[in-house]
Amino acid sequence: MHALLDAYLTHLTVIRGLSENTVTAYAADVSAFLDALSGTDTVLLEHIDAEIVLAYLASRKAQGVTPRTLARQLSALRGFFAFVEETHGGPNPARLVDSPRIPRKLPAVLSQEDVAALLAAPDPTTALGARDRALLEILYAAGLRVSEAISINVKDVDVQAGVIRVIGKGDAERLAPLHEVAAHSLERYLKVFRPRLRPQVPKIFVNRFGRSLSRQGVWKLIKGYAQAAGISITISPHTLRHSFATHLLEGGADLRTVQILLGHADITATTIYTHVHTSRLRALHHLHHPRNDP
């Protein structure tokens, strides 16, 4: 079974071109299932049926695993067994198992005032502050995922044209436009301050040692700047992406445009922002309509 898993992961990487993070997550989910079967009578492929998959998910639920994580694990098992079915024959025992119901959770979104305070928090007169200002500006200006932002190379930037070449999920490439403020902040960092960090890699954003900035590093700096800006809610790099999409819709952008800018392969992933937009409109209506209770 583990040999089949290795073949499946190679298929995901080489044929489907999924990112390293995605393949690693699939590997962990399927490996956990196979490891749970070790030492039982169901280690053979033909012994695995829908009841065994369901029992495994039930045991994970009893351990406190969330419905969202269970749904992801089931999706990984469906993909794995679909690959095995196609290449080696046999049934797909995960196909008949229903996905757990996931409660819809609207993403946290900053107000435009909070975004402005966050972007103004770094000190742009220092090398690290200029780096952080440029990073925050492009996260919000282009709605980038943090993994996309820290992967950008210097050659991927055309400051004069105001665009960045971004490699998204599944190695999908897109051009992300920048507004003038973000482009100026990025150009200033690249020309004046990035050389002071003595970069050892071609990535735009490097740490104090000249090496690539990590996802964890970005999360920590955003948390620190949010506190400095007096933002009360807990935010992450993805909060700027959510805010980018919501503010575009509030400004009149259509959903298809937002989908393209976010790099969503399927527009259904973008529809969550219509719910955010609607909920904010209802809150504003309740606050300002004269017939609402004071």
C-alpha atoms as a PDB file:
ATOM      1  CA  MET A   1       0.000   0.000   0.000  1.00  0.00           C
ATOM      2  CA  HIS A   2       2.814   2.417   0.787  1.00  0.00           C
ATOM      3  CA  ALA A   3       4.344   1.671  -2.612  1.00  0.00           C
ATOM      4  CA  LEU A   4       1.027   2.690  -4.174  1.00  0.00           C
ATOM      5  CA  LEU A   5       1.106   5.868  -2.101  1.00  0.00           C
ATOM      6  CA  ASP A   6       4.586   6.700  -3.408  1.00  0.00           C
ATOM      7  CA  ALA A   7       3.332   6.231  -6.971  1.00  0.00           C
ATOM      8  CA  TYR A   8       0.332   8.443  -6.228  1.00  0.00           C
ATOM      9  CA  LEU A   9       2.479  11.240  -4.820  1.00  0.00           C
ATOM     10  CA  THR A  10       4.706  11.080  -7.884  1.00  0.00           C
ATOM     11  CA  HIS A  11       1.573  11.357 -10.033  1.00  0.00           C
ATOM     12  CA  LEU A  12       0.431  14.443  -8.096  1.00  0.00           C
ATOM     13  CA  THR A  13       3.823  16.093  -8.477  1.00  0.00           C
ATOM     14  CA  VAL A  14       4.760  15.187 -12.050  1.00  0.00           C
ATOM     15  CA  ILE A  15       1.438  14.787 -13.862  1.00  0.00           C
ATOM     16  CA  ARG A  16      -0.896  17.110 -11.985  1.00  0.00           C
ATOM     17  CA  GLY A  17       1.785  19.626 -11.028  1.00  0.00           C
ATOM     18  CA  LEU A  18       0.506  20.235  -7.494  1.00  0.00           C
ATOM     19  CA  SER A  19       2.565  22.325  -5.119  1.00  0.00           C
ATOM     20  CA  GLU A  20       4.951  20.804  -2.611  1.00  0.00           C
ATOM     21  CA  ASN A  21       2.753  21.890   0.296  1.00  0.00           C
ATOM     22  CA  THR A  22      -0.331  20.254  -1.222  1.00  0.00           C
ATOM     23  CA  VAL A  23       1.482  16.983  -1.971  1.00  0.00           C
ATOM     24  CA  THR A  24       2.896  16.927   1.554  1.00  0.00           C
ATOM     25  CA  ALA A  25      -0.598  17.354   3.000  1.00  0.00           C
ATOM     26  CA  TYR A  26      -1.958  14.509   0.826  1.00  0.00           C
ATOM     27  CA  ALA A  27       0.939  12.302   1.884  1.00  0.00           C
ATOM     28  CA  ALA A  28       0.308  12.968   5.584  1.00  0.00           C
ATOM     29  CA  ASP A  29      -3.439  12.290   5.339  1.00  0.00           C
ATOM     30  CA  VAL A  30      -3.150   9.041   3.381  1.00  0.00           C
ATOM     31  CA  SER A  31      -0.171   7.828   5.442  1.00  0.00           C
ATOM     32  CA  ALA A  32      -2.129   8.383   8.667  1.00  0.00           C
ATOM     33  CA  PHE A  33      -4.933   6.190   7.302  1.00  0.00           C
ATOM     34  CA  LEU A  34      -2.569   3.443   6.178  1.00  0.00           C
ATOM     35  CA  ASP A  35      -0.695   3.561   9.476  1.00  0.00           C
ATOM     36  CA  ALA A  36      -3.989   3.162  11.340  1.00  0.00           C
ATOM     37  CA  LEU A  37      -4.543  -0.111   9.445  1.00  0.00           C
ATOM     38  CA  SER A  38      -1.127  -1.512  10.349  1.00  0.00           C
ATOM     39  CA  GLY A  39      -1.364  -4.646  12.436  1.00  0.00           C
ATOM     40  CA  THR A  40      -4.977  -5.318  11.415  1.00  0.00           C
ATOM     41  CA  ASP A  41      -6.527  -7.688   8.913  1.00  0.00           C
ATOM     42  CA  THR A  42      -7.276  -4.857   6.489  1.00  0.00           C
ATOM     43  CA  VAL A  43      -3.803  -4.079   5.251  1.00  0.00           C
ATOM     44  CA  LEU A  44      -4.589  -5.566   1.851  1.00  0.00           C
ATOM     45  CA  LEU A  45      -6.260  -3.338  -0.707  1.00  0.00           C
ATOM     46  CA  GLU A  46      -9.113  -5.751  -1.359  1.00  0.00           C
ATOM     47  CA  HIS A  47     -10.013  -5.762   2.340  1.00  0.00           C
ATOM     48  CA  ILE A  48     -10.623  -2.014   2.529  1.00  0.00           C
ATOM     49  CA  ASP A  49     -14.254  -0.968   2.099  1.00  0.00           C
ATOM     50  CA  ALA A  50     -16.424   2.059   2.837  1.00  0.00           C
ATOM     51  CA  GLU A  51     -17.161   0.871   6.388  1.00  0.00           C
ATOM     52  CA  ILE A  52     -13.449   0.837   7.220  1.00  0.00           C
ATOM     53  CA  VAL A  53     -12.976   4.347   5.845  1.00  0.00           C
ATOM     54  CA  LEU A  54     -16.039   5.532   7.775  1.00  0.00           C
ATOM     55  CA  ALA A  55     -14.794   3.884  10.978  1.00  0.00           C
ATOM     56  CA  TYR A  56     -11.419   5.570  10.563  1.00  0.00           C
ATOM     57  CA  LEU A  57     -13.026   8.998  10.156  1.00  0.00           C
ATOM     58  CA  ALA A  58     -15.274   8.312  13.157  1.00  0.00           C
ATOM     59  CA  SER A  59     -12.221   7.510  15.280  1.00  0.00           C
ATOM     60  CA  ARG A  60     -10.563  10.724  14.147  1.00  0.00           C
ATOM     61  CA  LYS A  61     -13.713  12.668  15.041  1.00  0.00           C
ATOM     62  CA  ALA A  62     -13.697  11.077  18.516  1.00  0.00           C
ATOM     63  CA  GLN A  63     -10.132  12.377  18.901  1.00  0.00           C
ATOM     64  CA  GLY A  64     -11.402  15.923  18.408  1.00  0.00           C
ATOM     65  CA  VAL A  65     -10.563  16.415  14.713  1.00  0.00           C
ATOM     66  CA  THR A  66     -12.693  19.187  13.199  1.00  0.00           C
ATOM     67  CA  PRO A  67     -15.216  18.567  10.394  1.00  0.00           C
ATOM     68  CA  ARG A  68     -13.099  20.686   8.035  1.00  0.00           C
ATOM     69  CA  THR A  69     -10.030  18.519   8.665  1.00  0.00           C
ATOM     70  CA  LEU A  70     -12.093  15.336   8.309  1.00  0.00           C
ATOM     71  CA  ALA A  71     -13.396  16.565   4.952  1.00  0.00           C
ATOM     72  CA  ARG A  72      -9.834  17.256   3.801  1.00  0.00           C
ATOM     73  CA  GLN A  73      -8.681  13.800   4.899  1.00  0.00           C
ATOM     74  CA  LEU A  74     -11.601  12.148   3.129  1.00  0.00           C
ATOM     75  CA  SER A  75     -10.784  14.116  -0.014  1.00  0.00           C
ATOM     76  CA  ALA A  76      -7.201  12.862   0.164  1.00  0.00           C
ATOM     77  CA  LEU A  77      -8.389   9.266   0.512  1.00  0.00           C
ATOM     78  CA  ARG A  78     -10.808   9.658  -2.404  1.00  0.00           C
ATOM     79  CA  GLY A  79      -8.008  10.932  -4.614  1.00  0.00           C
ATOM     80  CA  PHE A  80      -5.657   8.144  -3.566  1.00  0.00           C
ATOM     81  CA  PHE A  81      -8.157   5.342  -4.111  1.00  0.00           C
ATOM     82  CA  ALA A  82      -9.298   6.875  -7.414  1.00  0.00           C
ATOM     83  CA  PHE A  83      -5.673   6.699  -8.562  1.00  0.00           C
ATOM     84  CA  VAL A  84      -5.376   3.093  -7.359  1.00  0.00           C
ATOM     85  CA  GLU A  85      -8.657   2.214  -9.088  1.00  0.00           C
ATOM     86  CA  GLU A  86      -7.467   3.708 -12.365  1.00  0.00           C
ATOM     87  CA  THR A  87      -3.986   2.167 -12.323  1.00  0.00           C
ATOM     88  CA  HIS A  88      -4.556  -1.165 -10.576  1.00  0.00           C
ATOM     89  CA  GLY A  89      -8.286  -1.769 -10.739  1.00  0.00           C
ATOM     90  CA  GLY A  90     -10.637  -2.428  -7.867  1.00  0.00           C
ATOM     91  CA  PRO A  91     -13.276  -0.308  -6.123  1.00  0.00           C
ATOM     92  CA  ASN A  92     -12.853   3.110  -4.540  1.00  0.00           C
ATOM     93  CA  PRO A  93     -13.998   2.571  -0.922  1.00  0.00           C
ATOM     94  CA  ALA A  94     -13.936   6.296  -0.131  1.00  0.00           C
ATOM     95  CA  ARG A  95     -16.332   7.236  -2.925  1.00  0.00           C
ATOM     96  CA  LEU A  96     -19.411   6.078  -1.021  1.00  0.00           C
ATOM     97  CA  VAL A  97     -18.553   7.948   2.176  1.00  0.00           C
ATOM     98  CA  ASP A  98     -20.354  11.269   2.563  1.00  0.00           C
ATOM     99  CA  SER A  99     -18.311  14.335   3.436  1.00  0.00           C
ATOM    100  CA  PRO A 100     -18.944  15.790   6.890  1.00  0.00           C
ATOM    101  CA  ARG A 101     -21.045  18.924   7.007  1.00  0.00           C
ATOM    102  CA  ILE A 102     -18.770  21.937   7.394  1.00  0.00           C
ATOM    103  CA  PRO A 103     -20.258  25.048   9.005  1.00  0.00           C
ATOM    104  CA  ARG A 104     -19.634  28.103   6.840  1.00  0.00           C
ATOM    105  CA  LYS A 105     -17.262  30.454   8.602  1.00  0.00           C
ATOM    106  CA  LEU A 106     -16.848  33.905   7.158  1.00  0.00           C
ATOM    107  CA  PRO A 107     -13.236  35.090   7.022  1.00  0.00           C
ATOM    108  CA  ALA A 108     -12.053  37.953   9.189  1.00  0.00           C
ATOM    109  CA  VAL A 109     -11.867  41.210   7.232  1.00  0.00           C
ATOM    110  CA  LEU A 110     -10.213  44.460   8.250  1.00  0.00           C
ATOM    111  CA  SER A 111     -11.825  47.821   7.746  1.00  0.00           C
ATOM    112  CA  GLN A 112     -10.082  50.128   5.317  1.00  0.00           C
ATOM    113  CA  GLU A 113      -9.034  52.255   8.296  1.00  0.00           C
ATOM    114  CA  ASP A 114      -7.428  49.255  10.018  1.00  0.00           C
ATOM    115  CA  VAL A 115      -5.633  48.313   6.795  1.00  0.00           C
ATOM    116  CA  ALA A 116      -4.232  51.834   6.546  1.00  0.00           C
ATOM    117  CA  ALA A 117      -3.039  51.685  10.166  1.00  0.00           C
ATOM    118  CA  LEU A 118      -1.424  48.290   9.600  1.00  0.00           C
ATOM    119  CA  LEU A 119       0.399  49.435   6.458  1.00  0.00           C
ATOM    120  CA  ALA A 120       1.674  52.517   8.273  1.00  0.00           C
ATOM    121  CA  ALA A 121       3.049  50.527  11.233  1.00  0.00           C
ATOM    122  CA  PRO A 122       6.500  49.551   9.835  1.00  0.00           C
ATOM    123  CA  ASP A 123       9.287  52.143   9.976  1.00  0.00           C
ATOM    124  CA  PRO A 124      10.217  52.722   6.301  1.00  0.00           C
ATOM    125  CA  THR A 125      13.524  54.396   7.190  1.00  0.00           C
ATOM    126  CA  THR A 126      15.126  51.069   8.209  1.00  0.00           C
ATOM    127  CA  ALA A 127      15.949  48.113   5.974  1.00  0.00           C
ATOM    128  CA  LEU A 128      13.625  45.690   7.744  1.00  0.00           C
ATOM    129  CA  GLY A 129      10.900  48.303   8.112  1.00  0.00           C
ATOM    130  CA  ALA A 130      11.065  49.161   4.399  1.00  0.00           C
ATOM    131  CA  ARG A 131      10.923  45.452   3.580  1.00  0.00           C
ATOM    132  CA  ASP A 132       7.906  44.968   5.810  1.00  0.00           C
ATOM    133  CA  ARG A 133       6.110  48.026   4.412  1.00  0.00           C
ATOM    134  CA  ALA A 134       6.633  46.725   0.860  1.00  0.00           C
ATOM    135  CA  LEU A 135       5.494  43.241   1.855  1.00  0.00           C
ATOM    136  CA  LEU A 136       2.307  44.436   3.538  1.00  0.00           C
ATOM    137  CA  GLU A 137       1.576  46.790   0.647  1.00  0.00           C
ATOM    138  CA  ILE A 138       1.737  44.060  -2.007  1.00  0.00           C
ATOM    139  CA  LEU A 139      -0.154  41.507   0.134  1.00  0.00           C
ATOM    140  CA  TYR A 140      -3.045  43.948   0.246  1.00  0.00           C
ATOM    141  CA  ALA A 141      -2.578  45.527  -3.195  1.00  0.00           C
ATOM    142  CA  ALA A 142      -2.537  42.195  -5.043  1.00  0.00           C
ATOM    143  CA  GLY A 143      -4.347  39.873  -2.623  1.00  0.00           C
ATOM    144  CA  LEU A 144      -1.447  37.434  -2.585  1.00  0.00           C
ATOM    145  CA  ARG A 145      -1.199  34.273  -0.543  1.00  0.00           C
ATOM    146  CA  VAL A 146       1.767  34.448   1.812  1.00  0.00           C
ATOM    147  CA  SER A 147       3.382  31.497  -0.010  1.00  0.00           C
ATOM    148  CA  GLU A 148       3.109  33.442  -3.267  1.00  0.00           C
ATOM    149  CA  ALA A 149       4.590  36.615  -1.793  1.00  0.00           C
ATOM    150  CA  ILE A 150       7.671  34.985  -0.282  1.00  0.00           C
ATOM    151  CA  SER A 151       8.311  33.049  -3.514  1.00  0.00           C
ATOM    152  CA  ILE A 152       8.554  36.109  -5.765  1.00  0.00           C
ATOM    153  CA  ASN A 153      11.971  36.593  -7.347  1.00  0.00           C
ATOM    154  CA  VAL A 154      13.445  39.957  -8.268  1.00  0.00           C
ATOM    155  CA  LYS A 155      13.125  39.120 -11.980  1.00  0.00           C
ATOM    156  CA  ASP A 156       9.365  38.594 -11.507  1.00  0.00           C
ATOM    157  CA  VAL A 157       8.788  42.288 -10.774  1.00  0.00           C
ATOM    158  CA  ASP A 158       8.166  45.049 -13.294  1.00  0.00           C
ATOM    159  CA  VAL A 159       7.783  48.121 -11.127  1.00  0.00           C
ATOM    160  CA  GLN A 160       7.396  50.502 -14.073  1.00  0.00           C
ATOM    161  CA  ALA A 161       4.485  48.487 -15.455  1.00  0.00           C
ATOM    162  CA  GLY A 162       3.134  47.911 -11.952  1.00  0.00           C
ATOM    163  CA  VAL A 163       2.845  44.121 -12.208  1.00  0.00           C
ATOM    164  CA  ILE A 164       4.273  41.044 -10.498  1.00  0.00           C
ATOM    165  CA  ARG A 165       4.490  37.572 -11.981  1.00  0.00           C
ATOM    166  CA  VAL A 166       2.987  35.240  -9.389  1.00  0.00           C
ATOM    167  CA  ILE A 167       3.146  31.438  -9.242  1.00  0.00           C
ATOM    168  CA  GLY A 168       0.042  30.214  -7.447  1.00  0.00           C
ATOM    169  CA  LYS A 169      -1.410  26.851  -6.520  1.00  0.00           C
ATOM    170  CA  GLY A 170      -0.651  24.067  -8.956  1.00  0.00           C
ATOM    171  CA  ASP A 171       2.107  26.225 -10.466  1.00  0.00           C
ATOM    172  CA  ALA A 172      -0.570  28.366 -12.126  1.00  0.00           C
ATOM    173  CA  GLU A 173       0.959  31.638 -13.301  1.00  0.00           C
ATOM    174  CA  ARG A 174      -0.757  35.011 -13.253  1.00  0.00           C
ATOM    175  CA  LEU A 175       0.159  38.689 -13.447  1.00  0.00           C
ATOM    176  CA  ALA A 176      -0.851  40.628 -10.345  1.00  0.00           C
ATOM    177  CA  PRO A 177      -1.282  44.388 -10.797  1.00  0.00           C
ATOM    178  CA  LEU A 178      -0.008  46.867  -8.194  1.00  0.00           C
ATOM    179  CA  HIS A 179      -1.336  50.326  -7.493  1.00  0.00           C
ATOM    180  CA  GLU A 180       1.078  53.261  -7.473  1.00  0.00           C
ATOM    181  CA  VAL A 181       1.645  53.364  -3.690  1.00  0.00           C
ATOM    182  CA  ALA A 182       2.524  49.675  -3.489  1.00  0.00           C
ATOM    183  CA  ALA A 183       4.759  49.880  -6.560  1.00  0.00           C
ATOM    184  CA  HIS A 184       6.629  52.872  -5.109  1.00  0.00           C
ATOM    185  CA  SER A 185       7.084  51.123  -1.751  1.00  0.00           C
ATOM    186  CA  LEU A 186       8.412  48.016  -3.469  1.00  0.00           C
ATOM    187  CA  GLU A 187      10.748  49.959  -5.760  1.00  0.00           C
ATOM    188  CA  ARG A 188      12.206  51.908  -2.842  1.00  0.00           C
ATOM    189  CA  TYR A 189      12.857  48.687  -0.905  1.00  0.00           C
ATOM    190  CA  LEU A 190      14.462  46.977  -3.898  1.00  0.00           C
ATOM    191  CA  LYS A 191      16.739  49.865  -4.841  1.00  0.00           C
ATOM    192  CA  VAL A 192      17.727  51.264  -1.450  1.00  0.00           C
ATOM    193  CA  PHE A 193      17.199  48.763   1.346  1.00  0.00           C
ATOM    194  CA  ARG A 194      17.293  45.208  -0.008  1.00  0.00           C
ATOM    195  CA  PRO A 195      21.030  45.508  -0.894  1.00  0.00           C
ATOM    196  CA  ARG A 196      21.720  46.392   2.751  1.00  0.00           C
ATOM    197  CA  LEU A 197      20.382  42.987   3.800  1.00  0.00           C
ATOM    198  CA  ARG A 198      23.051  41.332   1.600  1.00  0.00           C
ATOM    199  CA  PRO A 199      20.666  38.900  -0.116  1.00  0.00           C
ATOM    200  CA  GLN A 200      21.964  35.396  -0.757  1.00  0.00           C
ATOM    201  CA  VAL A 201      18.883  34.282  -2.692  1.00  0.00           C
ATOM    202  CA  PRO A 202      16.962  35.761  -5.655  1.00  0.00           C
ATOM    203  CA  LYS A 203      13.782  36.174  -3.596  1.00  0.00           C
ATOM    204  CA  ILE A 204      12.546  39.723  -3.144  1.00  0.00           C
ATOM    205  CA  PHE A 205      11.876  39.384   0.551  1.00  0.00           C
ATOM    206  CA  VAL A 206      14.835  38.224   2.632  1.00  0.00           C
ATOM    207  CA  ASN A 207      15.458  38.115   6.368  1.00  0.00           C
ATOM    208  CA  ARG A 208      18.158  39.942   8.310  1.00  0.00           C
ATOM    209  CA  PHE A 209      20.635  37.233   7.272  1.00  0.00           C
ATOM    210  CA  GLY A 210      19.917  37.625   3.553  1.00  0.00           C
ATOM    211  CA  ARG A 211      18.041  34.341   3.265  1.00  0.00           C
ATOM    212  CA  SER A 212      14.453  33.708   2.181  1.00  0.00           C
ATOM    213  CA  LEU A 213      11.756  35.050   4.458  1.00  0.00           C
ATOM    214  CA  SER A 214       9.621  32.192   5.846  1.00  0.00           C
ATOM    215  CA  ARG A 215       5.856  31.868   6.195  1.00  0.00           C
ATOM    216  CA  GLN A 216       6.280  31.790   9.966  1.00  0.00           C
ATOM    217  CA  GLY A 217       8.373  34.947   9.798  1.00  0.00           C
ATOM    218  CA  VAL A 218       5.657  36.784   7.873  1.00  0.00           C
ATOM    219  CA  TRP A 219       2.982  35.615  10.331  1.00  0.00           C
ATOM    220  CA  LYS A 220       4.999  36.887  13.293  1.00  0.00           C
ATOM    221  CA  LEU A 221       5.728  40.286  11.783  1.00  0.00           C
ATOM    222  CA  ILE A 222       2.083  40.832  10.827  1.00  0.00           C
ATOM    223  CA  LYS A 223       0.977  39.889  14.327  1.00  0.00           C
ATOM    224  CA  GLY A 224       3.445  42.400  15.770  1.00  0.00           C
ATOM    225  CA  TYR A 225       2.395  45.203  13.438  1.00  0.00           C
ATOM    226  CA  ALA A 226      -1.293  44.504  14.135  1.00  0.00           C
ATOM    227  CA  GLN A 227      -0.651  45.027  17.840  1.00  0.00           C
ATOM    228  CA  ALA A 228       1.308  48.202  17.125  1.00  0.00           C
ATOM    229  CA  ALA A 229      -1.561  49.485  14.957  1.00  0.00           C
ATOM    230  CA  GLY A 230      -4.103  48.825  17.710  1.00  0.00           C
ATOM    231  CA  ILE A 231      -6.023  46.188  15.751  1.00  0.00           C
ATOM    232  CA  SER A 232      -8.098  44.213  18.244  1.00  0.00           C
ATOM    233  CA  ILE A 233      -8.872  41.075  16.237  1.00  0.00           C
ATOM    234  CA  THR A 234      -6.390  38.279  15.602  1.00  0.00           C
ATOM    235  CA  ILE A 235      -5.168  38.488  12.016  1.00  0.00           C
ATOM    236  CA  SER A 236      -2.871  36.537   9.729  1.00  0.00           C
ATOM    237  CA  PRO A 237      -1.330  37.186   6.306  1.00  0.00           C
ATOM    238  CA  HIS A 238      -4.497  35.726   4.767  1.00  0.00           C
ATOM    239  CA  THR A 239      -6.574  38.449   6.446  1.00  0.00           C
ATOM    240  CA  LEU A 240      -5.086  40.961   4.013  1.00  0.00           C
ATOM    241  CA  ARG A 241      -6.094  38.697   1.110  1.00  0.00           C
ATOM    242  CA  HIS A 242      -9.657  38.495   2.467  1.00  0.00           C
ATOM    243  CA  SER A 243      -9.724  42.265   2.969  1.00  0.00           C
ATOM    244  CA  PHE A 244      -8.418  42.837  -0.574  1.00  0.00           C
ATOM    245  CA  ALA A 245     -11.235  40.794  -2.107  1.00  0.00           C
ATOM    246  CA  THR A 246     -13.965  42.254   0.100  1.00  0.00           C
ATOM    247  CA  HIS A 247     -12.888  45.853  -0.471  1.00  0.00           C
ATOM    248  CA  LEU A 248     -12.808  45.278  -4.238  1.00  0.00           C
ATOM    249  CA  LEU A 249     -16.403  44.019  -4.162  1.00  0.00           C
ATOM    250  CA  GLU A 250     -17.424  46.955  -1.979  1.00  0.00           C
ATOM    251  CA  GLY A 251     -15.835  49.243  -4.546  1.00  0.00           C
ATOM    252  CA  GLY A 252     -17.905  47.764  -7.369  1.00  0.00           C
ATOM    253  CA  ALA A 253     -15.648  45.047  -8.826  1.00  0.00           C
ATOM    254  CA  ASP A 254     -17.432  42.018 -10.288  1.00  0.00           C
ATOM    255  CA  LEU A 255     -16.916  38.516  -8.916  1.00  0.00           C
ATOM    256  CA  ARG A 256     -15.179  37.221 -12.050  1.00  0.00           C
ATOM    257  CA  THR A 257     -12.542  39.959 -11.832  1.00  0.00           C
ATOM    258  CA  VAL A 258     -11.920  39.170  -8.163  1.00  0.00           C
ATOM    259  CA  GLN A 259     -11.589  35.482  -9.040  1.00  0.00           C
ATOM    260  CA  ILE A 260      -8.893  36.234 -11.615  1.00  0.00           C
ATOM    261  CA  LEU A 261      -7.007  38.560  -9.297  1.00  0.00           C
ATOM    262  CA  LEU A 262      -7.047  36.026  -6.471  1.00  0.00           C
ATOM    263  CA  GLY A 263      -5.911  33.206  -8.747  1.00  0.00           C
ATOM    264  CA  HIS A 264      -8.888  30.973  -7.920  1.00  0.00           C
ATOM    265  CA  ALA A 265      -9.258  28.123 -10.402  1.00  0.00           C
ATOM    266  CA  ASP A 266     -12.965  27.807  -9.596  1.00  0.00           C
ATOM    267  CA  ILE A 267     -15.254  30.780  -9.021  1.00  0.00           C
ATOM    268  CA  THR A 268     -17.054  28.891  -6.242  1.00  0.00           C
ATOM    269  CA  ALA A 269     -13.995  29.563  -4.060  1.00  0.00           C
ATOM    270  CA  THR A 270     -14.557  33.285  -4.616  1.00  0.00           C
ATOM    271  CA  THR A 271     -18.247  33.320  -3.712  1.00  0.00           C
ATOM    272  CA  ILE A 272     -17.416  33.347   0.001  1.00  0.00           C
ATOM    273  CA  TYR A 273     -16.641  37.045  -0.409  1.00  0.00           C
ATOM    274  CA  THR A 274     -20.151  37.790  -1.600  1.00  0.00           C
ATOM    275  CA  HIS A 275     -21.364  36.533   1.785  1.00  0.00           C
ATOM    276  CA  VAL A 276     -18.816  38.727   3.563  1.00  0.00           C
ATOM    277  CA  HIS A 277     -19.871  41.695   1.448  1.00  0.00           C
ATOM    278  CA  THR A 278     -23.582  41.061   2.147  1.00  0.00           C
ATOM    279  CA  SER A 279     -23.076  40.684   5.894  1.00  0.00           C
ATOM    280  CA  ARG A 280     -21.170  43.982   6.024  1.00  0.00           C
ATOM    281  CA  LEU A 281     -23.927  45.712   4.044  1.00  0.00           C
ATOM    282  CA  ARG A 282     -26.531  44.392   6.495  1.00  0.00           C
ATOM    283  CA  ALA A 283     -24.489  45.685   9.434  1.00  0.00           C
ATOM    284  CA  LEU A 284     -24.168  49.132   7.825  1.00  0.00           C
ATOM    285  CA  HIS A 285     -27.886  49.142   7.008  1.00  0.00           C
ATOM    286  CA  HIS A 286     -28.772  48.304  10.602  1.00  0.00           C
ATOM    287  CA  LEU A 287     -26.433  51.003  11.895  1.00  0.00           C
ATOM    288  CA  HIS A 288     -27.538  53.840   9.636  1.00  0.00           C
ATOM    289  CA  HIS A 289     -31.148  53.226   8.525  1.00  0.00           C
ATOM    290  CA  PRO A 290     -33.489  55.627  10.378  1.00  0.00           C
ATOM    291  CA  ARG A 291     -36.120  52.929  10.977  1.00  0.00           C
ATOM    292  CA  ASN A 292     -33.718  50.683  12.849  1.00  0.00           C
ATOM    293  CA  ASP A 293     -33.667  50.865  16.617  1.00  0.00           C
ATOM    294  CA  PRO A 294     -30.971  53.211  17.958  1.00  0.00           C
END
